[in-house]
C-alpha cells in the first residue's frame, strides 16, 4: 500500500472514532511529530551528536532499556 492510500485509510478510520480520549492521543502524537519535524529541519544534527545518539542507543539496547514494536503497538490499540 502506498503512502497516499495509507493516509486516506488513516483519515477514514480517524473519522469513525467516537472516543474523545483516542482523538486527544492522536492529536498529541501529531503535534509531537510536527514539532520533531520542524526541529529536525531547523537544527540538523552534527556528526558528533549523531555518534553520541548511536552510542546511547546501543547502550540502551544492551541494558534492555527499550520497547519492542509490539509493545508500542499494544499501547495504542
PDB file of N, CA and C in Angstrom:
ATOM      1  N   UNK A   1       0.855  -1.165   0.000  1.00  0.00           N
ATOM      2  CA  UNK A   1       0.000   0.000   0.000  1.00  0.00           C
ATOM      3  C   UNK A   1       0.908   1.237   0.000  1.00  0.00           C
ATOM      4  N   UNK A   2       0.633   2.175  -0.923  1.00  0.00           N
ATOM      5  CA  UNK A   2       1.473   3.371  -0.998  1.00  0.00           C
ATOM      6  C   UNK A   2       1.065   4.398   0.056  1.00  0.00           C
ATOM      7  N   UNK A   3       1.865   5.421   0.208  1.00  0.00           N
ATOM      8  CA  UNK A   3       1.666   6.421   1.257  1.00  0.00           C
ATOM      9  C   UNK A   3       0.317   7.121   1.141  1.00  0.00           C
ATOM     10  N   UNK A   4      -0.068   7.492  -0.057  1.00  0.00           N
ATOM     11  CA  UNK A   4      -1.351   8.195  -0.238  1.00  0.00           C
ATOM     12  C   UNK A   4      -2.527   7.316   0.196  1.00  0.00           C
ATOM     13  N   UNK A   5      -2.495   6.045  -0.168  1.00  0.00           N
ATOM     14  CA  UNK A   5      -3.565   5.121   0.222  1.00  0.00           C
ATOM     15  C   UNK A   5      -3.600   4.948   1.738  1.00  0.00           C
ATOM     16  N   UNK A   6      -2.429   4.882   2.354  1.00  0.00           N
ATOM     17  CA  UNK A   6      -2.366   4.757   3.821  1.00  0.00           C
ATOM     18  C   UNK A   6      -2.942   5.983   4.498  1.00  0.00           C
ATOM     19  N   UNK A   7      -2.644   7.165   3.963  1.00  0.00           N
ATOM     20  CA  UNK A   7      -3.189   8.401   4.533  1.00  0.00           C
ATOM     21  C   UNK A   7      -4.715   8.402   4.456  1.00  0.00           C
ATOM     22  N   UNK A   8      -5.224   8.042   3.305  1.00  0.00           N
ATOM     23  CA  UNK A   8      -6.689   8.014   3.125  1.00  0.00           C
ATOM     24  C   UNK A   8      -7.320   7.030   4.093  1.00  0.00           C
ATOM     25  N   UNK A   9      -6.736   5.847   4.213  1.00  0.00           N
ATOM     26  CA  UNK A   9      -7.264   4.838   5.137  1.00  0.00           C
ATOM     27  C   UNK A   9      -7.214   5.350   6.578  1.00  0.00           C
ATOM     28  N   UNK A  10      -6.121   6.021   6.943  1.00  0.00           N
ATOM     29  CA  UNK A  10      -5.987   6.566   8.293  1.00  0.00           C
ATOM     30  C   UNK A  10      -7.071   7.603   8.562  1.00  0.00           C
ATOM     31  N   UNK A  11      -7.272   8.513   7.628  1.00  0.00           N
ATOM     32  CA  UNK A  11      -8.287   9.562   7.807  1.00  0.00           C
ATOM     33  C   UNK A  11      -9.681   8.938   7.920  1.00  0.00           C
ATOM     34  N   UNK A  12      -9.960   7.942   7.110  1.00  0.00           N
ATOM     35  CA  UNK A  12     -11.261   7.279   7.188  1.00  0.00           C
ATOM     36  C   UNK A  12     -11.467   6.634   8.555  1.00  0.00           C
ATOM     37  N   UNK A  13     -10.450   5.974   9.075  1.00  0.00           N
ATOM     38  CA  UNK A  13     -10.554   5.363  10.405  1.00  0.00           C
ATOM     39  C   UNK A  13     -10.671   6.430  11.482  1.00  0.00           C
ATOM     40  N   UNK A  14      -9.926   7.529  11.330  1.00  0.00           N
ATOM     41  CA  UNK A  14      -9.996   8.629  12.289  1.00  0.00           C
ATOM     42  C   UNK A  14     -11.414   9.194  12.359  1.00  0.00           C
ATOM     43  N   UNK A  15     -12.051   9.348  11.213  1.00  0.00           N
ATOM     44  CA  UNK A  15     -13.406   9.904  11.176  1.00  0.00           C
ATOM     45  C   UNK A  15     -14.427   8.990  11.847  1.00  0.00           C
ATOM     46  N   UNK A  16     -14.126   7.726  11.962  1.00  0.00           N
ATOM     47  CA  UNK A  16     -15.033   6.779  12.617  1.00  0.00           C
ATOM     48  C   UNK A  16     -14.900   6.793  14.136  1.00  0.00           C
ATOM     49  N   UNK A  17     -13.810   7.373  14.644  1.00  0.00           N
ATOM     50  CA  UNK A  17     -13.582   7.370  16.094  1.00  0.00           C
ATOM     51  C   UNK A  17     -14.682   8.108  16.839  1.00  0.00           C
ATOM     52  N   UNK A  18     -15.085   7.544  17.959  1.00  0.00           N
ATOM     53  CA  UNK A  18     -16.089   8.169  18.819  1.00  0.00           C
ATOM     54  C   UNK A  18     -15.503   8.547  20.176  1.00  0.00           C
ATOM     55  N   UNK A  19     -14.305   8.095  20.446  1.00  0.00           N
ATOM     56  CA  UNK A  19     -13.668   8.316  21.739  1.00  0.00           C
ATOM     57  C   UNK A  19     -12.892   9.635  21.734  1.00  0.00           C
ATOM     58  N   UNK A  20     -13.295  10.544  22.604  1.00  0.00           N
ATOM     59  CA  UNK A  20     -12.583  11.814  22.710  1.00  0.00           C
ATOM     60  C   UNK A  20     -11.155  11.581  23.198  1.00  0.00           C
ATOM     61  N   UNK A  21     -10.974  10.592  24.060  1.00  0.00           N
ATOM     62  CA  UNK A  21      -9.643  10.268  24.575  1.00  0.00           C
ATOM     63  C   UNK A  21      -8.717   9.809  23.444  1.00  0.00           C
ATOM     64  N   UNK A  22      -9.225   8.954  22.574  1.00  0.00           N
ATOM     65  CA  UNK A  22      -8.416   8.463  21.455  1.00  0.00           C
ATOM     66  C   UNK A  22      -8.046   9.611  20.519  1.00  0.00           C
ATOM     67  N   UNK A  23      -8.993  10.499  20.257  1.00  0.00           N
ATOM     68  CA  UNK A  23      -8.725  11.649  19.391  1.00  0.00           C
ATOM     69  C   UNK A  23      -7.676  12.549  20.037  1.00  0.00           C
ATOM     70  N   UNK A  24      -7.770  12.757  21.336  1.00  0.00           N
ATOM     71  CA  UNK A  24      -6.779  13.579  22.042  1.00  0.00           C
ATOM     72  C   UNK A  24      -5.392  12.970  21.955  1.00  0.00           C
ATOM     73  N   UNK A  25      -5.298  11.647  22.100  1.00  0.00           N
ATOM     74  CA  UNK A  25      -3.991  10.977  21.999  1.00  0.00           C
ATOM     75  C   UNK A  25      -3.408  11.146  20.599  1.00  0.00           C
ATOM     76  N   UNK A  26      -4.255  10.975  19.583  1.00  0.00           N
ATOM     77  CA  UNK A  26      -3.773  11.133  18.211  1.00  0.00           C
ATOM     78  C   UNK A  26      -3.370  12.578  17.925  1.00  0.00           C
ATOM     79  N   UNK A  27      -4.104  13.534  18.474  1.00  0.00           N
ATOM     80  CA  UNK A  27      -3.717  14.940  18.325  1.00  0.00           C
ATOM     81  C   UNK A  27      -2.353  15.188  18.956  1.00  0.00           C
ATOM     82  N   UNK A  28      -2.124  14.601  20.116  1.00  0.00           N
ATOM     83  CA  UNK A  28      -0.839  14.748  20.788  1.00  0.00           C
ATOM     84  C   UNK A  28       0.291  14.165  19.961  1.00  0.00           C
ATOM     85  N   UNK A  29       0.061  12.983  19.388  1.00  0.00           N
ATOM     86  CA  UNK A  29       1.072  12.347  18.547  1.00  0.00           C
ATOM     87  C   UNK A  29       1.371  13.227  17.336  1.00  0.00           C
ATOM     88  N   UNK A  30       0.339  13.752  16.712  1.00  0.00           N
ATOM     89  CA  UNK A  30       0.521  14.612  15.540  1.00  0.00           C
ATOM     90  C   UNK A  30       1.288  15.881  15.908  1.00  0.00           C
ATOM     91  N   UNK A  31       0.941  16.478  17.028  1.00  0.00           N
ATOM     92  CA  UNK A  31       1.620  17.703  17.479  1.00  0.00           C
ATOM     93  C   UNK A  31       3.107  17.425  17.736  1.00  0.00           C
ATOM     94  N   UNK A  32       3.404  16.318  18.416  1.00  0.00           N
ATOM     95  CA  UNK A  32       4.799  15.960  18.693  1.00  0.00           C
ATOM     96  C   UNK A  32       5.562  15.689  17.402  1.00  0.00           C
ATOM     97  N   UNK A  33       4.922  15.028  16.454  1.00  0.00           N
ATOM     98  CA  UNK A  33       5.572  14.725  15.180  1.00  0.00           C
ATOM     99  C   UNK A  33       5.878  16.015  14.411  1.00  0.00           C
ATOM    100  N   UNK A  34       4.932  16.948  14.411  1.00  0.00           N
ATOM    101  CA  UNK A  34       5.173  18.234  13.742  1.00  0.00           C
ATOM    102  C   UNK A  34       6.336  18.974  14.386  1.00  0.00           C
ATOM    103  N   UNK A  35       6.360  18.999  15.718  1.00  0.00           N
ATOM    104  CA  UNK A  35       7.450  19.663  16.436  1.00  0.00           C
ATOM    105  C   UNK A  35       8.784  18.997  16.131  1.00  0.00           C
ATOM    106  N   UNK A  36       8.793  17.678  16.089  1.00  0.00           N
ATOM    107  CA  UNK A  36      10.017  16.929  15.784  1.00  0.00           C
ATOM    108  C   UNK A  36      10.514  17.268  14.384  1.00  0.00           C
ATOM    109  N   UNK A  37       9.607  17.288  13.420  1.00  0.00           N
ATOM    110  CA  UNK A  37       9.989  17.579  12.037  1.00  0.00           C
ATOM    111  C   UNK A  37      10.512  19.007  11.921  1.00  0.00           C
ATOM    112  N   UNK A  38       9.815  19.945  12.549  1.00  0.00           N
ATOM    113  CA  UNK A  38      10.264  21.339  12.491  1.00  0.00           C
ATOM    114  C   UNK A  38      11.642  21.494  13.114  1.00  0.00           C
ATOM    115  N   UNK A  39      11.867  20.865  14.242  1.00  0.00           N
ATOM    116  CA  UNK A  39      13.162  20.970  14.909  1.00  0.00           C
ATOM    117  C   UNK A  39      14.256  20.334  14.062  1.00  0.00           C
ATOM    118  N   UNK A  40      13.952  19.189  13.480  1.00  0.00           N
ATOM    119  CA  UNK A  40      14.934  18.484  12.664  1.00  0.00           C
ATOM    120  C   UNK A  40      15.297  19.304  11.432  1.00  0.00           C
ATOM    121  N   UNK A  41      14.313  19.973  10.847  1.00  0.00           N
ATOM    122  CA  UNK A  41      14.571  20.794   9.671  1.00  0.00           C
ATOM    123  C   UNK A  41      15.396  22.019  10.054  1.00  0.00           C
ATOM    124  N   UNK A  42      15.088  22.610  11.195  1.00  0.00           N
ATOM    125  CA  UNK A  42      15.763  23.833  11.601  1.00  0.00           C
ATOM    126  C   UNK A  42      17.139  23.595  12.202  1.00  0.00           C
ATOM    127  N   UNK A  43      17.318  22.460  12.862  1.00  0.00           N
ATOM    128  CA  UNK A  43      18.570  22.199  13.553  1.00  0.00           C
ATOM    129  C   UNK A  43      19.140  20.840  13.155  1.00  0.00           C
ATOM    130  N   UNK A  44      19.893  20.787  12.068  1.00  0.00           N
ATOM    131  CA  UNK A  44      20.477  19.495  11.682  1.00  0.00           C
ATOM    132  C   UNK A  44      21.459  19.000  12.740  1.00  0.00           C
ATOM    133  N   UNK A  45      21.558  17.706  12.852  1.00  0.00           N
ATOM    134  CA  UNK A  45      22.441  17.082  13.826  1.00  0.00           C
ATOM    135  C   UNK A  45      23.881  17.135  13.329  1.00  0.00           C
ATOM    136  N   UNK A  46      24.802  17.389  14.238  1.00  0.00           N
ATOM    137  CA  UNK A  46      26.217  17.330  13.877  1.00  0.00           C
ATOM    138  C   UNK A  46      26.662  15.871  13.889  1.00  0.00           C
ATOM    139  N   UNK A  47      27.812  15.617  13.316  1.00  0.00           N
ATOM    140  CA  UNK A  47      28.356  14.256  13.302  1.00  0.00           C
ATOM    141  C   UNK A  47      28.581  13.765  14.726  1.00  0.00           C
ATOM    142  N   UNK A  48      29.065  14.648  15.594  1.00  0.00           N
ATOM    143  CA  UNK A  48      29.301  14.285  16.992  1.00  0.00           C
ATOM    144  C   UNK A  48      27.986  13.933  17.701  1.00  0.00           C
ATOM    145  N   UNK A  49      26.941  14.736  17.462  1.00  0.00           N
ATOM    146  CA  UNK A  49      25.632  14.453  18.070  1.00  0.00           C
ATOM    147  C   UNK A  49      25.096  13.107  17.590  1.00  0.00           C
ATOM    148  N   UNK A  50      25.257  12.851  16.309  1.00  0.00           N
ATOM    149  CA  UNK A  50      24.802  11.577  15.749  1.00  0.00           C
ATOM    150  C   UNK A  50      25.543  10.406  16.385  1.00  0.00           C
ATOM    151  N   UNK A  51      26.853  10.525  16.510  1.00  0.00           N
ATOM    152  CA  UNK A  51      27.633   9.446  17.122  1.00  0.00           C
ATOM    153  C   UNK A  51      27.242   9.224  18.575  1.00  0.00           C
ATOM    154  N   UNK A  52      26.999  10.304  19.318  1.00  0.00           N
ATOM    155  CA  UNK A  52      26.569  10.170  20.712  1.00  0.00           C
ATOM    156  C   UNK A  52      25.206   9.482  20.795  1.00  0.00           C
ATOM    157  N   UNK A  53      24.303   9.834  19.879  1.00  0.00           N
ATOM    158  CA  UNK A  53      22.978   9.211  19.869  1.00  0.00           C
ATOM    159  C   UNK A  53      23.096   7.719  19.559  1.00  0.00           C
ATOM    160  N   UNK A  54      23.949   7.373  18.629  1.00  0.00           N
ATOM    161  CA  UNK A  54      24.162   5.955  18.296  1.00  0.00           C
ATOM    162  C   UNK A  54      24.726   5.208  19.506  1.00  0.00           C
ATOM    163  N   UNK A  55      25.730   5.790  20.148  1.00  0.00           N
ATOM    164  CA  UNK A  55      26.319   5.159  21.333  1.00  0.00           C
ATOM    165  C   UNK A  55      25.277   4.958  22.430  1.00  0.00           C
ATOM    166  N   UNK A  56      24.447   5.979  22.659  1.00  0.00           N
ATOM    167  CA  UNK A  56      23.406   5.886  23.690  1.00  0.00           C
ATOM    168  C   UNK A  56      22.389   4.804  23.332  1.00  0.00           C
ATOM    169  N   UNK A  57      22.008   4.749  22.075  1.00  0.00           N
ATOM    170  CA  UNK A  57      21.041   3.737  21.635  1.00  0.00           C
ATOM    171  C   UNK A  57      21.590   2.332  21.814  1.00  0.00           C
ATOM    172  N   UNK A  58      22.840   2.136  21.449  1.00  0.00           N
ATOM    173  CA  UNK A  58      23.442   0.821  21.615  1.00  0.00           C
ATOM    174  C   UNK A  58      23.538   0.437  23.087  1.00  0.00           C
ATOM    175  N   UNK A  59      23.882   1.397  23.921  1.00  0.00           N
ATOM    176  CA  UNK A  59      23.942   1.153  25.360  1.00  0.00           C
ATOM    177  C   UNK A  59      22.560   0.803  25.907  1.00  0.00           C
ATOM    178  N   UNK A  60      21.560   1.554  25.497  1.00  0.00           N
ATOM    179  CA  UNK A  60      20.189   1.274  25.942  1.00  0.00           C
ATOM    180  C   UNK A  60      19.766  -0.139  25.554  1.00  0.00           C
ATOM    181  N   UNK A  61      20.070  -0.525  24.331  1.00  0.00           N
ATOM    182  CA  UNK A  61      19.683  -1.852  23.863  1.00  0.00           C
ATOM    183  C   UNK A  61      20.391  -2.942  24.671  1.00  0.00           C
ATOM    184  N   UNK A  62      21.673  -2.776  24.890  1.00  0.00           N
ATOM    185  CA  UNK A  62      22.442  -3.777  25.640  1.00  0.00           C
ATOM    186  C   UNK A  62      21.961  -3.900  27.081  1.00  0.00           C
ATOM    187  N   UNK A  63      21.408  -2.831  27.632  1.00  0.00           N
ATOM    188  CA  UNK A  63      20.931  -2.834  29.014  1.00  0.00           C
ATOM    189  C   UNK A  63      19.409  -2.985  29.117  1.00  0.00           C
ATOM    190  N   UNK A  64      18.808  -3.489  28.047  1.00  0.00           N
ATOM    191  CA  UNK A  64      17.359  -3.755  27.992  1.00  0.00           C
ATOM    192  C   UNK A  64      16.504  -2.531  28.318  1.00  0.00           C
ATOM    193  N   UNK A  65      16.960  -1.355  27.895  1.00  0.00           N
ATOM    194  CA  UNK A  65      16.169  -0.137  28.071  1.00  0.00           C
ATOM    195  C   UNK A  65      15.544   0.232  26.726  1.00  0.00           C
ATOM    196  N   UNK A  66      14.582  -0.581  26.309  1.00  0.00           N
ATOM    197  CA  UNK A  66      13.905  -0.335  25.048  1.00  0.00           C
ATOM    198  C   UNK A  66      12.538  -1.011  25.083  1.00  0.00           C
ATOM    199  N   UNK A  67      11.690  -0.638  24.139  1.00  0.00           N
ATOM    200  CA  UNK A  67      10.385  -1.274  23.977  1.00  0.00           C
ATOM    201  C   UNK A  67      10.326  -1.864  22.579  1.00  0.00           C
ATOM    202  N   UNK A  68       9.743  -3.021  22.482  1.00  0.00           N
ATOM    203  CA  UNK A  68       9.602  -3.635  21.164  1.00  0.00           C
ATOM    204  C   UNK A  68       8.466  -2.953  20.414  1.00  0.00           C
ATOM    205  N   UNK A  69       8.449  -3.116  19.118  1.00  0.00           N
ATOM    206  CA  UNK A  69       7.380  -2.519  18.325  1.00  0.00           C
ATOM    207  C   UNK A  69       6.019  -3.102  18.724  1.00  0.00           C
ATOM    208  N   UNK A  70       5.984  -4.375  19.092  1.00  0.00           N
ATOM    209  CA  UNK A  70       4.706  -4.972  19.507  1.00  0.00           C
ATOM    210  C   UNK A  70       4.219  -4.362  20.835  1.00  0.00           C
ATOM    211  N   UNK A  71       5.144  -4.007  21.738  1.00  0.00           N
ATOM    212  CA  UNK A  71       4.755  -3.323  22.980  1.00  0.00           C
ATOM    213  C   UNK A  71       4.138  -1.966  22.671  1.00  0.00           C
ATOM    214  N   UNK A  72       4.770  -1.232  21.763  1.00  0.00           N
ATOM    215  CA  UNK A  72       4.266   0.091  21.390  1.00  0.00           C
ATOM    216  C   UNK A  72       2.918  -0.002  20.703  1.00  0.00           C
ATOM    217  N   UNK A  73       2.775  -0.954  19.792  1.00  0.00           N
ATOM    218  CA  UNK A  73       1.503  -1.123  19.083  1.00  0.00           C
ATOM    219  C   UNK A  73       0.387  -1.496  20.052  1.00  0.00           C
ATOM    220  N   UNK A  74       0.688  -2.345  21.026  1.00  0.00           N
ATOM    221  CA  UNK A  74      -0.318  -2.760  22.011  1.00  0.00           C
ATOM    222  C   UNK A  74      -0.808  -1.575  22.834  1.00  0.00           C
ATOM    223  N   UNK A  75       0.085  -0.628  23.092  1.00  0.00           N
ATOM    224  CA  UNK A  75      -0.272   0.552  23.884  1.00  0.00           C
ATOM    225  C   UNK A  75      -1.327   1.390  23.164  1.00  0.00           C
ATOM    226  N   UNK A  76      -1.321   1.421  21.854  1.00  0.00           N
ATOM    227  CA  UNK A  76      -2.220   2.298  21.092  1.00  0.00           C
ATOM    228  C   UNK A  76      -3.384   1.569  20.442  1.00  0.00           C
ATOM    229  N   UNK A  77      -3.607   0.331  20.814  1.00  0.00           N
ATOM    230  CA  UNK A  77      -4.769  -0.407  20.266  1.00  0.00           C
ATOM    231  C   UNK A  77      -6.004  -0.093  21.054  1.00  0.00           C
TER     232      UNK A  77
END
